[in-house]
Amino acid sequence: MSALTGLVEGPDHADAFVADRIADGADHLKIFIEDGTVASRPMPTMSEETVVALVAAAHARGLRTAAHTWTRNATRQAIACGVDILAHPPSDVPCDQDLIEAAAAAGSIVVATLTPLAGMSPHAPEFELAQDPRLRPYADPEWLASLDRIRAIEPGRRMGPLAVHTSHAADASVRMFRLGVPILAGTDGTGGDHPTTHGISYHGELGLLVEAGLTPAEALTAATAAPADAFGLHDRGRIAPGLRADLLLVDGDPVNDITALRGITTIWRGGVPVDRSARIPTQELV
């Protein structure tokens, strides 16, 4: 491992690298596998031996592993190397059935992240979400002010150009899910010249999961129990005696209409009511 950069240089350095990340406070390890081809910017990648060593070192210390996998090749490598979580489904081309079945056989978990891909289209969900009176009063004012500027950017250049497609990601995610692969809802919280943001975009992600074929109840699981299980957070993610009281009370029935989740009336975090208008320090969001 390079003392100057803190980058892992090969399989022999994986154990020390993971130990240093734990000392930094890491509770999981994400590995970037992509070779840059979807962005037309080829870049060097780690060898499979290094990825395998990183995964083994993380697992030996009780850490879950995730890998950035936007392409079929990266997805195959992540599965072959024993990575736990696919952070993005393959989105470069329609996914072949063999790869879908390999993800299921390996016990993989997939984070769908449809929102950042949809954000590179003329119909980014954030433009509609920002106008919803149930959400707009609680949106970040700086983010709201940025939307007109972002809308004027050619959609394909908001985070690219990238040769990835929402339809391919949605199809792969749902096909994996139907074979038993847990889906997690995630947004990337992209920012910059892209409309996706933390918080409000999560409503867009859940809507896109339902459009892709999940029931509203399945989408809700992707936002609650499934992430808790995936990251070993066994004290939360469900409503049950003895678990953390992290709760939303909404006006409506999101099991029948996922957009009802936008009508939040009360929030409890660890059993304590939360003032939605107050900013919570980042270090307290655990």
Protein backbone atom coordinates (compact mmCIF):
# COMPACT_ATOMS: atom_id res chain seq x y z
CA MET A 1 0.00 0.00 0.00
CA SER A 2 1.30 3.42 -0.93
CA ALA A 3 2.08 5.50 2.14
CA LEU A 4 1.60 8.63 0.05
CA THR A 5 -1.83 7.89 -1.41
CA GLY A 6 -3.31 5.16 0.77
CA LEU A 7 -4.18 3.16 -2.36
CA VAL A 8 -4.02 -0.61 -2.42
CA GLU A 9 -1.25 -1.75 -4.77
CA GLY A 10 -1.95 -5.46 -4.99
CA PRO A 11 -3.25 -8.52 -3.16
CA ASP A 12 -0.36 -8.54 -0.68
CA HIS A 13 -1.42 -5.10 0.57
CA ALA A 14 -5.15 -5.84 0.87
CA ASP A 15 -5.08 -6.87 4.52
CA ALA A 16 -3.28 -3.73 5.66
CA PHE A 17 -5.47 -1.56 3.46
CA VAL A 18 -8.68 -2.93 4.99
CA ALA A 19 -7.26 -2.60 8.50
CA ASP A 20 -6.49 1.06 7.81
CA ARG A 21 -10.01 1.67 6.49
CA ILE A 22 -11.48 0.18 9.66
CA ALA A 23 -9.21 2.46 11.69
CA ASP A 24 -10.68 5.33 9.67
CA GLY A 25 -14.17 4.26 10.78
CA ALA A 26 -15.37 2.28 7.76
CA ASP A 27 -18.26 -0.11 8.38
CA HIS A 28 -18.24 -1.59 4.86
CA LEU A 29 -15.86 -1.67 1.92
CA LYS A 30 -16.77 -0.45 -1.58
CA ILE A 31 -14.53 -1.46 -4.46
CA PHE A 32 -14.49 0.36 -7.80
CA ILE A 33 -14.21 -2.27 -10.53
CA GLU A 34 -15.32 -0.37 -13.65
CA ASP A 35 -12.83 0.18 -16.47
CA GLY A 36 -14.34 3.50 -17.61
CA THR A 37 -15.64 2.27 -20.96
CA VAL A 38 -19.23 3.43 -20.30
CA ALA A 39 -17.87 6.96 -19.97
CA SER A 40 -15.51 6.63 -22.94
CA ARG A 41 -12.65 7.18 -20.49
CA PRO A 42 -10.69 3.95 -20.15
CA MET A 43 -8.92 3.60 -16.83
CA PRO A 44 -6.78 0.96 -15.14
CA THR A 45 -8.53 -1.52 -12.90
CA MET A 46 -7.48 -3.78 -10.06
CA SER A 47 -6.68 -7.39 -10.83
CA GLU A 48 -9.16 -10.05 -9.80
CA GLU A 49 -6.54 -11.32 -7.32
CA THR A 50 -6.52 -7.93 -5.60
CA VAL A 51 -10.31 -7.75 -5.47
CA VAL A 52 -10.50 -11.29 -4.06
CA ALA A 53 -7.91 -10.36 -1.41
CA LEU A 54 -9.83 -7.20 -0.47
CA VAL A 55 -13.07 -9.14 -0.13
CA ALA A 56 -11.38 -11.82 1.99
CA ALA A 57 -9.75 -9.21 4.24
CA ALA A 58 -13.03 -7.36 4.69
CA HIS A 59 -14.99 -10.52 5.44
CA ALA A 60 -12.35 -11.64 7.94
CA ARG A 61 -13.03 -8.43 9.87
CA GLY A 62 -16.81 -8.64 9.60
CA LEU A 63 -17.26 -6.02 6.87
CA ARG A 64 -19.70 -6.34 3.99
CA THR A 65 -18.33 -5.55 0.56
CA ALA A 66 -19.88 -3.67 -2.36
CA ALA A 67 -18.61 -2.99 -5.86
CA HIS A 68 -19.42 -0.32 -8.41
CA THR A 69 -20.84 -2.38 -11.29
CA TRP A 70 -22.49 -0.52 -14.16
CA THR A 71 -21.47 -3.00 -16.87
CA ARG A 72 -21.93 -6.71 -17.40
CA ASN A 73 -18.17 -7.27 -17.26
CA ALA A 74 -17.83 -5.51 -13.92
CA THR A 75 -20.83 -7.40 -12.56
CA ARG A 76 -19.33 -10.73 -13.58
CA GLN A 77 -16.03 -9.82 -11.94
CA ALA A 78 -17.72 -8.73 -8.71
CA ILE A 79 -19.69 -11.98 -8.51
CA ALA A 80 -16.61 -14.09 -9.31
CA CYS A 81 -14.62 -12.30 -6.61
CA GLY A 82 -17.24 -12.87 -3.90
CA VAL A 83 -18.45 -9.26 -3.52
CA ASP A 84 -21.64 -9.10 -1.45
CA ILE A 85 -23.44 -6.09 -2.93
CA LEU A 86 -23.68 -4.93 -6.54
CA ALA A 87 -23.78 -1.14 -6.32
CA HIS A 88 -25.71 -0.64 -9.58
CA PRO A 89 -27.11 -3.39 -11.80
CA PRO A 90 -25.54 -3.90 -15.23
CA SER A 91 -26.92 -1.07 -17.34
CA ASP A 92 -24.79 -0.92 -20.48
CA VAL A 93 -26.81 -3.42 -22.53
CA PRO A 94 -29.72 -5.81 -21.83
CA CYS A 95 -28.48 -8.35 -19.32
CA ASP A 96 -28.11 -11.98 -20.37
CA GLN A 97 -29.95 -14.58 -18.32
CA ASP A 98 -26.76 -16.40 -17.34
CA LEU A 99 -25.55 -13.32 -15.48
CA ILE A 100 -28.91 -12.86 -13.75
CA GLU A 101 -28.78 -16.47 -12.59
CA ALA A 102 -25.14 -16.13 -11.49
CA ALA A 103 -26.07 -13.20 -9.24
CA ALA A 104 -28.84 -15.24 -7.67
CA ALA A 105 -26.67 -18.33 -7.23
CA ALA A 106 -23.96 -16.27 -5.54
CA GLY A 107 -26.37 -14.76 -3.02
CA SER A 108 -25.71 -11.27 -4.37
CA ILE A 109 -27.61 -8.14 -3.36
CA VAL A 110 -28.30 -5.35 -5.87
CA VAL A 111 -28.75 -1.60 -5.32
CA ALA A 112 -30.98 -0.57 -8.21
CA THR A 113 -30.09 3.17 -8.31
CA LEU A 114 -32.51 3.93 -11.15
CA THR A 115 -32.80 7.60 -10.21
CA PRO A 116 -29.32 8.75 -11.33
CA LEU A 117 -29.87 7.09 -14.71
CA ALA A 118 -33.33 8.63 -15.08
CA GLY A 119 -31.73 11.96 -14.18
CA MET A 120 -29.90 11.82 -17.50
CA SER A 121 -33.19 11.92 -19.40
CA PRO A 122 -35.62 14.75 -20.20
CA HIS A 123 -37.97 13.33 -17.57
CA ALA A 124 -35.83 13.25 -14.43
CA PRO A 125 -38.20 12.51 -11.52
CA GLU A 126 -36.73 15.36 -9.45
CA PHE A 127 -38.38 18.00 -11.64
CA GLU A 128 -41.80 16.64 -10.63
CA LEU A 129 -40.80 15.91 -7.04
CA ALA A 130 -39.67 19.51 -6.57
CA GLN A 131 -43.17 20.72 -7.38
CA ASP A 132 -44.97 18.36 -5.00
CA PRO A 133 -46.38 20.48 -2.14
CA ARG A 134 -45.82 17.58 0.26
CA LEU A 135 -42.07 17.71 -0.38
CA ARG A 136 -41.11 21.16 -1.64
CA PRO A 137 -41.26 22.97 1.75
CA TYR A 138 -38.61 20.56 3.10
CA ALA A 139 -36.28 20.53 0.08
CA ASP A 140 -32.82 22.06 0.22
CA PRO A 141 -33.20 25.64 -1.06
CA GLU A 142 -29.86 25.49 -2.85
CA TRP A 143 -30.93 22.33 -4.65
CA LEU A 144 -34.25 23.89 -5.67
CA ALA A 145 -32.41 26.92 -7.03
CA SER A 146 -30.12 24.66 -9.08
CA LEU A 147 -32.87 22.82 -10.92
CA ASP A 148 -33.48 25.44 -13.60
CA ARG A 149 -29.78 25.43 -14.44
CA ILE A 150 -29.70 21.62 -14.49
CA ARG A 151 -32.82 21.40 -16.65
CA ALA A 152 -31.07 23.49 -19.30
CA ILE A 153 -28.16 21.02 -19.53
CA GLU A 154 -28.46 18.45 -22.31
CA PRO A 155 -29.77 15.39 -20.36
CA GLY A 156 -27.06 13.02 -21.59
CA ARG A 157 -24.33 15.36 -20.34
CA ARG A 158 -25.58 15.81 -16.78
CA MET A 159 -23.24 13.08 -15.63
CA GLY A 160 -21.63 11.97 -18.82
CA PRO A 161 -22.07 11.15 -21.55
CA LEU A 162 -22.50 7.64 -20.17
CA ALA A 163 -23.50 4.58 -22.17
CA VAL A 164 -25.92 3.29 -19.55
CA HIS A 165 -29.71 3.13 -19.63
CA THR A 166 -32.46 3.19 -17.00
CA SER A 167 -34.44 0.52 -18.84
CA HIS A 168 -31.52 -1.94 -18.78
CA ALA A 169 -30.92 -1.29 -15.08
CA ALA A 170 -34.59 -1.68 -14.21
CA ASP A 171 -34.92 -4.88 -16.21
CA ALA A 172 -31.81 -6.47 -14.69
CA SER A 173 -32.78 -5.46 -11.15
CA VAL A 174 -36.29 -6.90 -11.36
CA ARG A 175 -35.16 -10.11 -13.06
CA MET A 176 -32.57 -10.62 -10.31
CA PHE A 177 -35.20 -9.87 -7.70
CA ARG A 178 -37.59 -12.46 -9.14
CA LEU A 179 -34.82 -15.06 -8.68
CA GLY A 180 -34.37 -14.13 -5.02
CA VAL A 181 -31.76 -11.36 -5.17
CA PRO A 182 -32.66 -8.66 -2.61
CA ILE A 183 -33.12 -5.17 -4.09
CA LEU A 184 -32.01 -2.12 -2.10
CA ALA A 185 -33.33 1.34 -2.89
CA GLY A 186 -30.54 3.86 -3.39
CA THR A 187 -30.01 7.12 -5.24
CA ASP A 188 -26.26 7.86 -5.31
CA GLY A 189 -27.14 11.39 -4.07
CA THR A 190 -25.25 12.60 -7.11
CA GLY A 191 -25.41 16.42 -6.99
CA GLY A 192 -23.42 18.83 -9.15
CA ASP A 193 -24.87 19.10 -12.66
CA HIS A 194 -27.23 16.20 -11.97
CA PRO A 195 -30.69 16.58 -10.38
CA THR A 196 -30.42 13.62 -8.01
CA THR A 197 -30.01 14.65 -4.38
CA HIS A 198 -30.15 13.08 -0.94
CA GLY A 199 -33.59 12.70 0.61
CA ILE A 200 -36.16 13.86 -1.92
CA SER A 201 -34.78 11.67 -4.72
CA TYR A 202 -35.51 8.58 -2.63
CA HIS A 203 -39.20 9.13 -3.37
CA GLY A 204 -38.32 9.09 -7.06
CA GLU A 205 -36.34 5.88 -6.67
CA LEU A 206 -39.26 4.10 -5.02
CA GLY A 207 -41.58 5.27 -7.77
CA LEU A 208 -39.20 3.98 -10.43
CA LEU A 209 -38.96 0.60 -8.70
CA VAL A 210 -42.75 0.32 -8.82
CA GLU A 211 -42.77 1.35 -12.48
CA ALA A 212 -40.17 -1.36 -13.11
CA GLY A 213 -42.49 -4.05 -11.73
CA LEU A 214 -42.17 -4.19 -7.94
CA THR A 215 -45.30 -3.85 -5.85
CA PRO A 216 -45.38 -0.82 -3.53
CA ALA A 217 -44.88 -3.19 -0.59
CA GLU A 218 -41.79 -4.68 -2.25
CA ALA A 219 -40.43 -1.19 -2.92
CA LEU A 220 -40.96 -0.28 0.74
CA THR A 221 -39.02 -3.38 1.76
CA ALA A 222 -36.21 -2.23 -0.55
CA ALA A 223 -36.05 0.96 1.52
CA THR A 224 -36.33 -0.57 4.99
CA ALA A 225 -35.81 -4.21 5.93
CA ALA A 226 -33.68 -5.15 2.91
CA PRO A 227 -30.97 -2.51 3.49
CA ALA A 228 -30.96 -3.27 7.21
CA ASP A 229 -30.41 -6.96 6.48
CA ALA A 230 -27.81 -6.29 3.78
CA PHE A 231 -25.62 -4.21 6.10
CA GLY A 232 -26.20 -6.28 9.24
CA LEU A 233 -28.23 -3.59 11.02
CA HIS A 234 -30.38 -6.05 12.88
CA ASP A 235 -31.79 -3.49 15.30
CA ARG A 236 -33.79 -1.59 12.66
CA GLY A 237 -35.63 -1.81 9.34
CA ARG A 238 -38.83 -3.31 10.74
CA ILE A 239 -41.54 -2.44 13.23
CA ALA A 240 -41.20 -5.00 16.03
CA PRO A 241 -40.78 -5.02 19.82
CA GLY A 242 -37.19 -4.33 20.87
CA LEU A 243 -36.08 -2.74 17.59
CA ARG A 244 -35.15 0.90 17.05
CA ALA A 245 -38.19 3.11 16.63
CA ASP A 246 -37.20 4.71 13.33
CA LEU A 247 -40.65 5.47 12.00
CA LEU A 248 -42.54 7.53 9.44
CA LEU A 249 -46.22 8.31 9.84
CA VAL A 250 -47.77 9.24 6.50
CA ASP A 251 -51.14 10.50 5.31
CA GLY A 252 -52.29 7.69 3.02
CA ASP A 253 -51.52 4.06 2.27
CA PRO A 254 -48.16 3.60 0.52
CA VAL A 255 -48.78 -0.15 0.26
CA ASN A 256 -51.36 0.70 -2.40
CA ASP A 257 -49.90 4.00 -3.67
CA ILE A 258 -46.16 4.51 -3.27
CA THR A 259 -46.54 8.28 -3.71
CA ALA A 260 -48.49 8.37 -0.43
CA LEU A 261 -45.08 8.07 1.24
CA ARG A 262 -44.50 11.71 0.31
CA GLY A 263 -47.21 12.82 2.73
CA ILE A 264 -45.08 12.51 5.86
CA THR A 265 -46.79 13.82 8.97
CA THR A 266 -44.42 12.65 11.73
CA ILE A 267 -40.90 11.22 11.95
CA TRP A 268 -39.33 9.38 14.86
CA ARG A 269 -35.62 8.59 14.96
CA GLY A 270 -34.64 6.20 17.71
CA GLY A 271 -38.02 6.84 19.32
CA VAL A 272 -37.51 10.62 19.42
CA PRO A 273 -39.73 12.91 17.30
CA VAL A 274 -37.79 14.77 14.61
CA ASP A 275 -38.37 18.35 13.50
CA ARG A 276 -38.34 18.11 9.69
CA SER A 277 -37.48 21.77 9.35
CA ALA A 278 -34.28 21.44 11.38
CA ARG A 279 -30.97 20.33 9.86
CA ILE A 280 -29.53 17.32 11.64
CA PRO A 281 -25.71 17.25 11.98
CA THR A 282 -24.25 14.58 9.72
CA GLN A 283 -22.52 12.81 12.58
CA GLU A 284 -25.91 12.18 14.21
CA LEU A 285 -27.37 10.35 11.19
CA VAL A 286 -26.76 6.81 12.44
